[in-house]
């Protein structure tokens, strides 16, 4: 089980996006703590629901930002979001059906995805946005 720690290396330079990313780190860590309690499937289920709702809010924020500035790589970035939602929903469904033990699987999947997505996809988008602001 991996506790994910926020560091400056994850900062994009956009205050709203960075604030939401910090909250995602906290929510993933809350999920990790719930996973340590093997007796608490309901608490895990609640933590997943909270994380899922927040991820939806965060993705909408990013997608609205990208649309507002006609970000040229919008479709690829949105596809990344859609892929995460789809993979997460599959894992959660399997967990609820009792077909998979998610203790390590979903924790690692989410933390790895979040760190990689921020450092590659989100930073690329914010760098482009900064370039547009500098050109005006």
Protein backbone atom coordinates (compact mmCIF):
# COMPACT_ATOMS: atom_id res chain seq x y z
CA UNK A 1 0.00 0.00 0.00
CA UNK A 2 1.54 3.27 -1.09
CA UNK A 3 0.92 6.59 0.61
CA UNK A 4 1.27 9.26 -2.05
CA UNK A 5 3.05 12.42 -1.01
CA UNK A 6 2.58 15.76 -2.71
CA UNK A 7 5.77 17.44 -3.81
CA UNK A 8 6.68 20.49 -5.85
CA UNK A 9 7.46 18.19 -8.78
CA UNK A 10 3.69 17.75 -9.24
CA UNK A 11 2.94 21.48 -9.39
CA UNK A 12 1.66 22.68 -12.74
CA UNK A 13 1.66 26.36 -11.79
CA UNK A 14 -2.12 26.68 -12.13
CA UNK A 15 -3.55 27.33 -8.64
CA UNK A 16 -6.96 25.74 -9.18
CA UNK A 17 -5.59 22.62 -10.88
CA UNK A 18 -2.81 22.26 -8.28
CA UNK A 19 -5.30 22.64 -5.42
CA UNK A 20 -7.49 19.93 -6.90
CA UNK A 21 -4.48 17.66 -7.45
CA UNK A 22 -3.49 18.09 -3.77
CA UNK A 23 -7.02 17.10 -2.78
CA UNK A 24 -6.83 14.02 -5.02
CA UNK A 25 -3.64 12.98 -3.24
CA UNK A 26 -5.45 13.34 0.11
CA UNK A 27 -8.44 11.34 -1.11
CA UNK A 28 -6.23 8.54 -2.44
CA UNK A 29 -4.42 8.45 0.91
CA UNK A 30 -7.79 8.28 2.71
CA UNK A 31 -8.68 5.36 0.48
CA UNK A 32 -5.36 3.70 1.38
CA UNK A 33 -6.14 4.09 5.07
CA UNK A 34 -9.55 2.49 4.59
CA UNK A 35 -7.91 -0.39 2.75
CA UNK A 36 -5.78 -1.11 5.82
CA UNK A 37 -8.95 -1.92 7.74
CA UNK A 38 -9.81 -5.33 6.29
CA UNK A 39 -13.14 -5.34 8.17
CA UNK A 40 -14.47 -2.14 6.66
CA UNK A 41 -15.82 -2.72 3.15
CA UNK A 42 -18.45 0.00 3.70
CA UNK A 43 -15.83 2.60 4.63
CA UNK A 44 -13.82 1.60 1.54
CA UNK A 45 -16.94 1.84 -0.60
CA UNK A 46 -17.69 5.30 0.82
CA UNK A 47 -14.10 6.45 0.19
CA UNK A 48 -14.31 5.22 -3.41
CA UNK A 49 -17.58 7.12 -3.95
CA UNK A 50 -16.07 10.36 -2.58
CA UNK A 51 -12.94 9.95 -4.68
CA UNK A 52 -14.96 9.13 -7.80
CA UNK A 53 -17.17 12.20 -7.40
CA UNK A 54 -14.16 14.45 -6.85
CA UNK A 55 -12.34 13.02 -9.87
CA UNK A 56 -15.41 13.86 -11.97
CA UNK A 57 -15.36 17.44 -10.68
CA UNK A 58 -11.64 17.75 -11.33
CA UNK A 59 -11.89 16.39 -14.86
CA UNK A 60 -14.72 18.81 -15.62
CA UNK A 61 -12.59 21.70 -14.35
CA UNK A 62 -9.68 20.72 -16.57
CA UNK A 63 -11.87 20.04 -19.60
CA UNK A 64 -13.72 23.36 -19.22
CA UNK A 65 -10.37 25.13 -18.94
CA UNK A 66 -9.06 23.41 -22.08
CA UNK A 67 -12.23 24.21 -24.05
CA UNK A 68 -12.17 27.86 -22.95
CA UNK A 69 -8.74 28.33 -24.55
CA UNK A 70 -9.23 25.97 -27.52
CA UNK A 71 -6.45 23.68 -26.30
CA UNK A 72 -5.26 21.80 -29.42
CA UNK A 73 -4.71 18.47 -27.61
CA UNK A 74 -8.10 18.56 -25.88
CA UNK A 75 -9.41 15.31 -27.38
CA UNK A 76 -6.34 13.29 -26.33
CA UNK A 77 -6.41 14.75 -22.82
CA UNK A 78 -10.12 14.04 -22.46
CA UNK A 79 -9.52 10.49 -23.70
CA UNK A 80 -6.99 10.04 -20.88
CA UNK A 81 -9.71 11.09 -18.43
CA UNK A 82 -12.26 8.78 -20.03
CA UNK A 83 -9.83 5.85 -19.91
CA UNK A 84 -9.23 6.35 -16.19
CA UNK A 85 -12.96 6.57 -15.48
CA UNK A 86 -13.60 3.39 -17.48
CA UNK A 87 -10.78 1.39 -15.87
CA UNK A 88 -11.76 2.58 -12.38
CA UNK A 89 -15.42 1.72 -12.91
CA UNK A 90 -14.45 -1.81 -14.02
CA UNK A 91 -12.28 -2.34 -10.93
CA UNK A 92 -14.97 -1.00 -8.60
CA UNK A 93 -17.63 -3.19 -10.20
CA UNK A 94 -15.44 -6.28 -9.77
CA UNK A 95 -14.81 -5.32 -6.15
CA UNK A 96 -18.52 -4.93 -5.43
CA UNK A 97 -19.21 -8.31 -7.03
CA UNK A 98 -16.56 -9.84 -4.77
CA UNK A 99 -14.50 -10.94 -7.76
CA UNK A 100 -11.34 -9.01 -6.98
CA UNK A 101 -9.47 -7.89 -3.89
CA UNK A 102 -8.68 -4.28 -4.55
CA UNK A 103 -6.51 -3.58 -1.57
CA UNK A 104 -3.30 -3.10 -3.50
CA UNK A 105 -4.62 -3.06 -7.06
CA UNK A 106 -6.73 0.09 -7.02
CA UNK A 107 -4.43 1.98 -4.69
CA UNK A 108 -1.40 1.46 -6.91
CA UNK A 109 -3.38 2.01 -10.10
CA UNK A 110 -4.79 5.35 -8.89
CA UNK A 111 -1.60 6.69 -7.35
CA UNK A 112 0.54 5.73 -10.38
CA UNK A 113 -2.02 7.13 -12.79
CA UNK A 114 -2.36 10.40 -10.88
CA UNK A 115 1.38 11.00 -10.60
CA UNK A 116 2.04 10.16 -14.26
CA UNK A 117 -0.97 12.10 -15.53
CA UNK A 118 0.01 15.24 -13.63
CA UNK A 119 3.67 15.14 -14.63
CA UNK A 120 3.05 14.41 -18.29
CA UNK A 121 -0.44 15.28 -19.52
CA UNK A 122 -1.49 18.09 -17.16
CA UNK A 123 1.86 19.87 -17.20
CA UNK A 124 1.82 19.82 -21.01
CA UNK A 125 -1.63 21.45 -20.98
CA UNK A 126 -0.69 24.11 -18.41
CA UNK A 127 2.60 24.88 -20.21
CA UNK A 128 0.64 25.45 -23.42
CA UNK A 129 -1.82 27.67 -21.54
CA UNK A 130 1.02 29.74 -20.05
CA UNK A 131 2.50 30.14 -23.53
CA UNK A 132 -0.83 31.47 -24.80
CA UNK A 133 -1.08 33.93 -21.90
CA UNK A 134 2.47 35.12 -22.60
CA UNK A 135 1.66 35.65 -26.26
CA UNK A 136 -1.20 38.02 -25.41
